[in-house]
């Protein structure tokens, strides 16, 4: 994954807010369910339960 410089971010139409919206949508669509599946599997055998993750709300 490439880390964008400030100049590269400014060249994106929509800028930083668009990039943040894309990352939030990606995390909410497959990151949260995948992490919650792993937490579910862990909680089956753990004595100390881990809370599930929640999607990131829109700002």
PDB file of N, CA and C in Angstrom:
ATOM      1  N   UNK A   1       0.842  -1.172   0.000  1.00  0.00           N
ATOM      2  CA  UNK A   1       0.000   0.000   0.000  1.00  0.00           C
ATOM      3  C   UNK A   1       0.886   1.233   0.000  1.00  0.00           C
ATOM      4  N   UNK A   2       0.610   2.148  -0.899  1.00  0.00           N
ATOM      5  CA  UNK A   2       1.419   3.348  -1.028  1.00  0.00           C
ATOM      6  C   UNK A   2       0.889   4.441  -0.111  1.00  0.00           C
ATOM      7  N   UNK A   3       1.797   5.119   0.571  1.00  0.00           N
ATOM      8  CA  UNK A   3       1.431   6.267   1.393  1.00  0.00           C
ATOM      9  C   UNK A   3       1.522   7.503   0.508  1.00  0.00           C
ATOM     10  N   UNK A   4       0.408   8.235   0.418  1.00  0.00           N
ATOM     11  CA  UNK A   4       0.368   9.405  -0.450  1.00  0.00           C
ATOM     12  C   UNK A   4       0.940  10.627   0.250  1.00  0.00           C
ATOM     13  N   UNK A   5       1.646  11.442  -0.526  1.00  0.00           N
ATOM     14  CA  UNK A   5       2.148  12.706   0.003  1.00  0.00           C
ATOM     15  C   UNK A   5       1.034  13.741  -0.057  1.00  0.00           C
ATOM     16  N   UNK A   6       1.244  14.867   0.597  1.00  0.00           N
ATOM     17  CA  UNK A   6       0.244  15.947   0.580  1.00  0.00           C
ATOM     18  C   UNK A   6      -0.013  16.419  -0.850  1.00  0.00           C
ATOM     19  N   UNK A   7       1.023  16.452  -1.678  1.00  0.00           N
ATOM     20  CA  UNK A   7       0.870  16.887  -3.066  1.00  0.00           C
ATOM     21  C   UNK A   7      -0.004  15.898  -3.841  1.00  0.00           C
ATOM     22  N   UNK A   8       0.222  14.602  -3.635  1.00  0.00           N
ATOM     23  CA  UNK A   8      -0.583  13.594  -4.327  1.00  0.00           C
ATOM     24  C   UNK A   8      -2.037  13.628  -3.862  1.00  0.00           C
ATOM     25  N   UNK A   9      -2.254  13.877  -2.579  1.00  0.00           N
ATOM     26  CA  UNK A   9      -3.617  13.980  -2.056  1.00  0.00           C
ATOM     27  C   UNK A   9      -4.327  15.174  -2.665  1.00  0.00           C
ATOM     28  N   UNK A  10      -3.620  16.285  -2.802  1.00  0.00           N
ATOM     29  CA  UNK A  10      -4.246  17.489  -3.357  1.00  0.00           C
ATOM     30  C   UNK A  10      -4.591  17.323  -4.834  1.00  0.00           C
ATOM     31  N   UNK A  11      -3.951  16.374  -5.519  1.00  0.00           N
ATOM     32  CA  UNK A  11      -4.243  16.137  -6.928  1.00  0.00           C
ATOM     33  C   UNK A  11      -5.506  15.302  -7.127  1.00  0.00           C
ATOM     34  N   UNK A  12      -5.990  14.651  -6.075  1.00  0.00           N
ATOM     35  CA  UNK A  12      -7.206  13.845  -6.165  1.00  0.00           C
ATOM     36  C   UNK A  12      -8.406  14.775  -6.138  1.00  0.00           C
ATOM     37  N   UNK A  13      -9.327  14.595  -7.078  1.00  0.00           N
ATOM     38  CA  UNK A  13     -10.547  15.402  -7.088  1.00  0.00           C
ATOM     39  C   UNK A  13     -11.382  15.009  -5.878  1.00  0.00           C
ATOM     40  N   UNK A  14     -11.599  15.918  -4.967  1.00  0.00           N
ATOM     41  CA  UNK A  14     -12.291  15.617  -3.718  1.00  0.00           C
ATOM     42  C   UNK A  14     -11.327  15.588  -2.550  1.00  0.00           C
ATOM     43  N   UNK A  15     -10.041  15.422  -2.848  1.00  0.00           N
ATOM     44  CA  UNK A  15      -8.996  15.514  -1.840  1.00  0.00           C
ATOM     45  C   UNK A  15      -9.090  14.504  -0.716  1.00  0.00           C
ATOM     46  N   UNK A  16      -8.675  14.974   0.438  1.00  0.00           N
ATOM     47  CA  UNK A  16      -8.556  14.103   1.604  1.00  0.00           C
ATOM     48  C   UNK A  16      -9.898  13.547   2.063  1.00  0.00           C
ATOM     49  N   UNK A  17     -10.962  14.332   1.950  1.00  0.00           N
ATOM     50  CA  UNK A  17     -12.271  13.849   2.403  1.00  0.00           C
ATOM     51  C   UNK A  17     -12.755  12.676   1.550  1.00  0.00           C
ATOM     52  N   UNK A  18     -12.468  12.702   0.257  1.00  0.00           N
ATOM     53  CA  UNK A  18     -12.846  11.588  -0.613  1.00  0.00           C
ATOM     54  C   UNK A  18     -12.058  10.330  -0.255  1.00  0.00           C
ATOM     55  N   UNK A  19     -10.774  10.487  -0.023  1.00  0.00           N
ATOM     56  CA  UNK A  19      -9.934   9.348   0.348  1.00  0.00           C
ATOM     57  C   UNK A  19     -10.408   8.759   1.678  1.00  0.00           C
ATOM     58  N   UNK A  20     -10.731   9.612   2.650  1.00  0.00           N
ATOM     59  CA  UNK A  20     -11.246   9.129   3.936  1.00  0.00           C
ATOM     60  C   UNK A  20     -12.568   8.397   3.763  1.00  0.00           C
ATOM     61  N   UNK A  21     -13.440   8.909   2.900  1.00  0.00           N
ATOM     62  CA  UNK A  21     -14.738   8.263   2.664  1.00  0.00           C
ATOM     63  C   UNK A  21     -14.552   6.883   2.035  1.00  0.00           C
ATOM     64  N   UNK A  22     -13.603   6.764   1.116  1.00  0.00           N
ATOM     65  CA  UNK A  22     -13.328   5.468   0.479  1.00  0.00           C
ATOM     66  C   UNK A  22     -12.798   4.475   1.509  1.00  0.00           C
ATOM     67  N   UNK A  23     -11.862   4.910   2.352  1.00  0.00           N
ATOM     68  CA  UNK A  23     -11.307   4.018   3.369  1.00  0.00           C
ATOM     69  C   UNK A  23     -12.369   3.594   4.376  1.00  0.00           C
ATOM     70  N   UNK A  24     -13.243   4.529   4.773  1.00  0.00           N
ATOM     71  CA  UNK A  24     -14.321   4.206   5.707  1.00  0.00           C
ATOM     72  C   UNK A  24     -15.268   3.173   5.091  1.00  0.00           C
ATOM     73  N   UNK A  25     -15.619   3.360   3.817  1.00  0.00           N
ATOM     74  CA  UNK A  25     -16.516   2.418   3.141  1.00  0.00           C
ATOM     75  C   UNK A  25     -15.876   1.035   3.032  1.00  0.00           C
ATOM     76  N   UNK A  26     -14.588   0.977   2.719  1.00  0.00           N
ATOM     77  CA  UNK A  26     -13.890  -0.310   2.641  1.00  0.00           C
ATOM     78  C   UNK A  26     -13.865  -1.000   4.000  1.00  0.00           C
ATOM     79  N   UNK A  27     -13.542  -0.255   5.042  1.00  0.00           N
ATOM     80  CA  UNK A  27     -13.480  -0.830   6.385  1.00  0.00           C
ATOM     81  C   UNK A  27     -14.849  -1.339   6.819  1.00  0.00           C
ATOM     82  N   UNK A  28     -15.890  -0.535   6.583  1.00  0.00           N
ATOM     83  CA  UNK A  28     -17.234  -0.920   7.008  1.00  0.00           C
ATOM     84  C   UNK A  28     -17.773  -2.105   6.213  1.00  0.00           C
ATOM     85  N   UNK A  29     -17.378  -2.229   4.934  1.00  0.00           N
ATOM     86  CA  UNK A  29     -17.953  -3.282   4.095  1.00  0.00           C
ATOM     87  C   UNK A  29     -17.299  -4.641   4.313  1.00  0.00           C
ATOM     88  N   UNK A  30     -15.981  -4.690   4.493  1.00  0.00           N
ATOM     89  CA  UNK A  30     -15.369  -6.004   4.698  1.00  0.00           C
ATOM     90  C   UNK A  30     -14.425  -6.070   5.891  1.00  0.00           C
ATOM     91  N   UNK A  31     -13.941  -4.962   6.368  1.00  0.00           N
ATOM     92  CA  UNK A  31     -13.041  -4.988   7.525  1.00  0.00           C
ATOM     93  C   UNK A  31     -13.756  -5.348   8.812  1.00  0.00           C
ATOM     94  N   UNK A  32     -14.879  -4.681   9.061  1.00  0.00           N
ATOM     95  CA  UNK A  32     -15.638  -4.929  10.292  1.00  0.00           C
ATOM     96  C   UNK A  32     -16.180  -6.362  10.335  1.00  0.00           C
ATOM     97  N   UNK A  33     -16.851  -6.849   9.274  1.00  0.00           N
ATOM     98  CA  UNK A  33     -17.339  -8.236   9.341  1.00  0.00           C
ATOM     99  C   UNK A  33     -16.220  -9.269   9.507  1.00  0.00           C
ATOM    100  N   UNK A  34     -15.096  -9.055   8.847  1.00  0.00           N
ATOM    101  CA  UNK A  34     -13.984  -9.998   8.959  1.00  0.00           C
ATOM    102  C   UNK A  34     -13.408  -9.993  10.375  1.00  0.00           C
ATOM    103  N   UNK A  35     -13.211  -8.802  10.929  1.00  0.00           N
ATOM    104  CA  UNK A  35     -12.689  -8.707  12.293  1.00  0.00           C
ATOM    105  C   UNK A  35     -13.681  -9.290  13.293  1.00  0.00           C
ATOM    106  N   UNK A  36     -14.970  -9.035  13.098  1.00  0.00           N
ATOM    107  CA  UNK A  36     -15.979  -9.569  14.011  1.00  0.00           C
ATOM    108  C   UNK A  36     -16.069 -11.091  13.928  1.00  0.00           C
ATOM    109  N   UNK A  37     -15.818 -11.657  12.761  1.00  0.00           N
ATOM    110  CA  UNK A  37     -15.786 -13.115  12.637  1.00  0.00           C
ATOM    111  C   UNK A  37     -14.628 -13.693  13.449  1.00  0.00           C
ATOM    112  N   UNK A  38     -13.487 -13.030  13.393  1.00  0.00           N
ATOM    113  CA  UNK A  38     -12.338 -13.484  14.181  1.00  0.00           C
ATOM    114  C   UNK A  38     -12.616 -13.334  15.674  1.00  0.00           C
ATOM    115  N   UNK A  39     -13.260 -12.244  16.058  1.00  0.00           N
ATOM    116  CA  UNK A  39     -13.609 -12.037  17.467  1.00  0.00           C
ATOM    117  C   UNK A  39     -14.601 -13.105  17.923  1.00  0.00           C
ATOM    118  N   UNK A  40     -15.574 -13.445  17.074  1.00  0.00           N
ATOM    119  CA  UNK A  40     -16.537 -14.497  17.409  1.00  0.00           C
ATOM    120  C   UNK A  40     -15.817 -15.815  17.687  1.00  0.00           C
ATOM    121  N   UNK A  41     -14.884 -16.175  16.806  1.00  0.00           N
ATOM    122  CA  UNK A  41     -14.137 -17.421  16.982  1.00  0.00           C
ATOM    123  C   UNK A  41     -13.314 -17.386  18.269  1.00  0.00           C
ATOM    124  N   UNK A  42     -12.696 -16.264  18.543  1.00  0.00           N
ATOM    125  CA  UNK A  42     -11.914 -16.115  19.776  1.00  0.00           C
ATOM    126  C   UNK A  42     -12.812 -16.247  21.001  1.00  0.00           C
ATOM    127  N   UNK A  43     -13.968 -15.581  20.969  1.00  0.00           N
ATOM    128  CA  UNK A  43     -14.874 -15.579  22.114  1.00  0.00           C
ATOM    129  C   UNK A  43     -15.467 -16.957  22.410  1.00  0.00           C
ATOM    130  N   UNK A  44     -15.472 -17.858  21.426  1.00  0.00           N
ATOM    131  CA  UNK A  44     -15.977 -19.209  21.673  1.00  0.00           C
ATOM    132  C   UNK A  44     -15.174 -19.929  22.755  1.00  0.00           C
ATOM    133  N   UNK A  45     -13.883 -19.662  22.806  1.00  0.00           N
ATOM    134  CA  UNK A  45     -13.005 -20.398  23.712  1.00  0.00           C
ATOM    135  C   UNK A  45     -12.373 -19.531  24.798  1.00  0.00           C
ATOM    136  N   UNK A  46     -12.512 -18.233  24.710  1.00  0.00           N
ATOM    137  CA  UNK A  46     -11.845 -17.336  25.656  1.00  0.00           C
ATOM    138  C   UNK A  46     -12.658 -17.182  26.936  1.00  0.00           C
ATOM    139  N   UNK A  47     -11.956 -17.010  28.026  1.00  0.00           N
ATOM    140  CA  UNK A  47     -12.644 -16.716  29.282  1.00  0.00           C
ATOM    141  C   UNK A  47     -12.904 -15.222  29.413  1.00  0.00           C
ATOM    142  N   UNK A  48     -12.047 -14.417  28.820  1.00  0.00           N
ATOM    143  CA  UNK A  48     -12.248 -12.968  28.790  1.00  0.00           C
ATOM    144  C   UNK A  48     -12.745 -12.605  27.398  1.00  0.00           C
ATOM    145  N   UNK A  49     -13.988 -12.196  27.308  1.00  0.00           N
ATOM    146  CA  UNK A  49     -14.608 -11.905  26.013  1.00  0.00           C
ATOM    147  C   UNK A  49     -14.136 -10.557  25.469  1.00  0.00           C
ATOM    148  N   UNK A  50     -14.076 -10.461  24.155  1.00  0.00           N
ATOM    149  CA  UNK A  50     -13.697  -9.239  23.448  1.00  0.00           C
ATOM    150  C   UNK A  50     -14.954  -8.663  22.811  1.00  0.00           C
ATOM    151  N   UNK A  51     -15.111  -7.352  22.898  1.00  0.00           N
ATOM    152  CA  UNK A  51     -16.285  -6.697  22.319  1.00  0.00           C
ATOM    153  C   UNK A  51     -16.171  -6.661  20.797  1.00  0.00           C
ATOM    154  N   UNK A  52     -17.318  -6.704  20.148  1.00  0.00           N
ATOM    155  CA  UNK A  52     -17.346  -6.631  18.690  1.00  0.00           C
ATOM    156  C   UNK A  52     -17.104  -5.202  18.222  1.00  0.00           C
ATOM    157  N   UNK A  53     -16.590  -5.070  17.004  1.00  0.00           N
ATOM    158  CA  UNK A  53     -16.340  -3.762  16.409  1.00  0.00           C
ATOM    159  C   UNK A  53     -17.616  -3.219  15.794  1.00  0.00           C
ATOM    160  N   UNK A  54     -17.696  -1.903  15.704  1.00  0.00           N
ATOM    161  CA  UNK A  54     -18.836  -1.245  15.076  1.00  0.00           C
ATOM    162  C   UNK A  54     -18.336  -0.485  13.851  1.00  0.00           C
ATOM    163  N   UNK A  55     -19.178  -0.341  12.827  1.00  0.00           N
ATOM    164  CA  UNK A  55     -18.776   0.442  11.656  1.00  0.00           C
ATOM    165  C   UNK A  55     -18.485   1.896  12.037  1.00  0.00           C
ATOM    166  N   UNK A  56     -17.625   2.516  11.267  1.00  0.00           N
ATOM    167  CA  UNK A  56     -17.294   3.922  11.483  1.00  0.00           C
ATOM    168  C   UNK A  56     -18.417   4.766  10.888  1.00  0.00           C
ATOM    169  N   UNK A  57     -19.051   5.637  11.684  1.00  0.00           N
ATOM    170  CA  UNK A  57     -20.140   6.462  11.146  1.00  0.00           C
ATOM    171  C   UNK A  57     -19.608   7.576  10.243  1.00  0.00           C
ATOM    172  N   UNK A  58     -20.486   8.088   9.408  1.00  0.00           N
ATOM    173  CA  UNK A  58     -20.109   9.225   8.570  1.00  0.00           C
ATOM    174  C   UNK A  58     -19.917  10.453   9.450  1.00  0.00           C
ATOM    175  N   UNK A  59     -18.945  11.287   9.109  1.00  0.00           N
ATOM    176  CA  UNK A  59     -18.715  12.491   9.928  1.00  0.00           C
ATOM    177  C   UNK A  59     -19.828  13.513   9.791  1.00  0.00           C
TER     178      UNK A  59
END
